[in-house]
Amino acid sequence: MDGWKKAVVVGSIGVATVLFLKKKYPAGVLATGLGLALLASEYPGKFEKVRRSLPDYFERGMQVMEMAARAGQRIAQAAGQSAVDAWDEVRG
């Protein structure tokens, strides 16, 4: 990769970071997209491999989120039951 391309990629990542920190999300996404587009043009084979594997990553992520939601519900139920039991003990 040429030096100027590396500078553009690093610069776009830096600019995107600053924009995200300033809560200018659309501009941050645009700056990130610029850097990713340049990387994709330089390494098309690697990006094609990533593009093909994205659905698997999303599916695994959704499974993790579902498990976390179920665990959160169980914790909330257990906490609610404990509070009710404690209240019943106090009331006698």
C-alpha atoms as a PDB file:
ATOM      1  CA  MET A   1       0.000   0.000   0.000  1.00  0.00           C
ATOM      2  CA  ASP A   2       1.322   3.422  -0.927  1.00  0.00           C
ATOM      3  CA  GLY A   3       2.213   5.908   1.763  1.00  0.00           C
ATOM      4  CA  TRP A   4      -0.539   8.338   0.816  1.00  0.00           C
ATOM      5  CA  LYS A   5      -3.141   5.575   1.037  1.00  0.00           C
ATOM      6  CA  LYS A   6      -1.951   4.647   4.521  1.00  0.00           C
ATOM      7  CA  ALA A   7      -2.143   8.303   5.513  1.00  0.00           C
ATOM      8  CA  VAL A   8      -5.718   8.585   4.208  1.00  0.00           C
ATOM      9  CA  VAL A   9      -6.814   5.437   6.063  1.00  0.00           C
ATOM     10  CA  VAL A  10      -5.204   6.496   9.349  1.00  0.00           C
ATOM     11  CA  GLY A  11      -6.477  10.050   8.910  1.00  0.00           C
ATOM     12  CA  SER A  12     -10.039   8.898   8.253  1.00  0.00           C
ATOM     13  CA  ILE A  13      -9.961   6.704  11.352  1.00  0.00           C
ATOM     14  CA  GLY A  14      -8.677   9.616  13.424  1.00  0.00           C
ATOM     15  CA  VAL A  15     -11.247  12.032  12.019  1.00  0.00           C
ATOM     16  CA  ALA A  16     -14.023   9.476  12.539  1.00  0.00           C
ATOM     17  CA  THR A  17     -12.961   9.002  16.164  1.00  0.00           C
ATOM     18  CA  VAL A  18     -13.084  12.735  16.825  1.00  0.00           C
ATOM     19  CA  LEU A  19     -16.453  13.048  15.094  1.00  0.00           C
ATOM     20  CA  PHE A  20     -17.930  10.173  17.094  1.00  0.00           C
ATOM     21  CA  LEU A  21     -16.633  11.712  20.330  1.00  0.00           C
ATOM     22  CA  LYS A  22     -18.285  15.007  19.352  1.00  0.00           C
ATOM     23  CA  LYS A  23     -21.512  13.033  18.699  1.00  0.00           C
ATOM     24  CA  LYS A  24     -21.547  13.861  14.996  1.00  0.00           C
ATOM     25  CA  TYR A  25     -22.454  10.320  14.030  1.00  0.00           C
ATOM     26  CA  PRO A  26     -23.367  10.761  10.327  1.00  0.00           C
ATOM     27  CA  ALA A  27     -20.065  12.522   9.609  1.00  0.00           C
ATOM     28  CA  GLY A  28     -18.193   9.855  11.600  1.00  0.00           C
ATOM     29  CA  VAL A  29     -19.807   7.083   9.600  1.00  0.00           C
ATOM     30  CA  LEU A  30     -18.896   8.897   6.382  1.00  0.00           C
ATOM     31  CA  ALA A  31     -15.249   9.265   7.444  1.00  0.00           C
ATOM     32  CA  THR A  32     -15.111   5.600   8.465  1.00  0.00           C
ATOM     33  CA  GLY A  33     -16.648   4.601   5.135  1.00  0.00           C
ATOM     34  CA  LEU A  34     -13.967   6.525   3.272  1.00  0.00           C
ATOM     35  CA  GLY A  35     -11.198   4.626   5.034  1.00  0.00           C
ATOM     36  CA  LEU A  36     -12.929   1.278   4.571  1.00  0.00           C
ATOM     37  CA  ALA A  37     -13.552   1.965   0.876  1.00  0.00           C
ATOM     38  CA  LEU A  38      -9.878   2.682   0.355  1.00  0.00           C
ATOM     39  CA  LEU A  39      -8.911  -0.503   2.198  1.00  0.00           C
ATOM     40  CA  ALA A  40     -11.439  -2.512   0.183  1.00  0.00           C
ATOM     41  CA  SER A  41     -10.006  -1.187  -3.071  1.00  0.00           C
ATOM     42  CA  GLU A  42      -6.519  -2.196  -1.968  1.00  0.00           C
ATOM     43  CA  TYR A  43      -7.428  -5.666  -0.613  1.00  0.00           C
ATOM     44  CA  PRO A  44     -10.575  -6.849  -2.481  1.00  0.00           C
ATOM     45  CA  GLY A  45     -10.038 -10.555  -1.757  1.00  0.00           C
ATOM     46  CA  LYS A  46      -9.908 -10.119   1.994  1.00  0.00           C
ATOM     47  CA  PHE A  47     -12.990  -7.899   2.036  1.00  0.00           C
ATOM     48  CA  GLU A  48     -14.919 -10.433  -0.050  1.00  0.00           C
ATOM     49  CA  LYS A  49     -14.116 -13.092   2.542  1.00  0.00           C
ATOM     50  CA  VAL A  50     -15.319 -10.791   5.341  1.00  0.00           C
ATOM     51  CA  ARG A  51     -18.478  -9.913   3.383  1.00  0.00           C
ATOM     52  CA  ARG A  52     -19.323 -13.599   2.949  1.00  0.00           C
ATOM     53  CA  SER A  53     -18.880 -14.320   6.670  1.00  0.00           C
ATOM     54  CA  LEU A  54     -20.923 -11.357   7.959  1.00  0.00           C
ATOM     55  CA  PRO A  55     -24.272 -13.224   8.142  1.00  0.00           C
ATOM     56  CA  ASP A  56     -22.683 -15.823  10.436  1.00  0.00           C
ATOM     57  CA  TYR A  57     -21.345 -13.094  12.731  1.00  0.00           C
ATOM     58  CA  PHE A  58     -24.747 -11.391  12.878  1.00  0.00           C
ATOM     59  CA  GLU A  59     -26.483 -14.677  13.670  1.00  0.00           C
ATOM     60  CA  ARG A  60     -24.041 -15.459  16.476  1.00  0.00           C
ATOM     61  CA  GLY A  61     -24.403 -11.945  17.831  1.00  0.00           C
ATOM     62  CA  MET A  62     -28.183 -12.273  17.880  1.00  0.00           C
ATOM     63  CA  GLN A  63     -27.911 -15.590  19.744  1.00  0.00           C
ATOM     64  CA  VAL A  64     -25.672 -13.962  22.363  1.00  0.00           C
ATOM     65  CA  MET A  65     -28.122 -11.067  22.741  1.00  0.00           C
ATOM     66  CA  GLU A  66     -31.058 -13.475  23.166  1.00  0.00           C
ATOM     67  CA  MET A  67     -29.175 -15.419  25.845  1.00  0.00           C
ATOM     68  CA  ALA A  68     -28.315 -12.168  27.651  1.00  0.00           C
ATOM     69  CA  ALA A  69     -31.948 -11.049  27.510  1.00  0.00           C
ATOM     70  CA  ARG A  70     -33.137 -14.373  28.937  1.00  0.00           C
ATOM     71  CA  ALA A  71     -30.540 -14.181  31.706  1.00  0.00           C
ATOM     72  CA  GLY A  72     -31.623 -10.625  32.500  1.00  0.00           C
ATOM     73  CA  GLN A  73     -35.253 -11.714  32.727  1.00  0.00           C
ATOM     74  CA  ARG A  74     -34.341 -14.553  35.076  1.00  0.00           C
ATOM     75  CA  ILE A  75     -32.306 -12.230  37.274  1.00  0.00           C
ATOM     76  CA  ALA A  76     -35.162  -9.732  37.388  1.00  0.00           C
ATOM     77  CA  GLN A  77     -37.634 -12.476  38.285  1.00  0.00           C
ATOM     78  CA  ALA A  78     -35.351 -13.816  41.016  1.00  0.00           C
ATOM     79  CA  ALA A  79     -34.845 -10.323  42.428  1.00  0.00           C
ATOM     80  CA  GLY A  80     -38.586  -9.666  42.369  1.00  0.00           C
ATOM     81  CA  GLN A  81     -39.365 -12.958  44.103  1.00  0.00           C
ATOM     82  CA  SER A  82     -36.752 -12.289  46.760  1.00  0.00           C
ATOM     83  CA  ALA A  83     -38.230  -8.865  47.454  1.00  0.00           C
ATOM     84  CA  VAL A  84     -41.735 -10.321  47.740  1.00  0.00           C
ATOM     85  CA  ASP A  85     -40.502 -13.050  50.089  1.00  0.00           C
ATOM     86  CA  ALA A  86     -38.697 -10.481  52.246  1.00  0.00           C
ATOM     87  CA  TRP A  87     -41.816  -8.279  52.364  1.00  0.00           C
ATOM     88  CA  ASP A  88     -43.949 -11.266  53.412  1.00  0.00           C
ATOM     89  CA  GLU A  89     -41.498 -12.003  56.231  1.00  0.00           C
ATOM     90  CA  VAL A  90     -41.619  -8.408  57.436  1.00  0.00           C
ATOM     91  CA  ARG A  91     -45.434  -8.362  57.377  1.00  0.00           C
ATOM     92  CA  GLY A  92     -45.480 -11.553  59.360  1.00  0.00           C
END
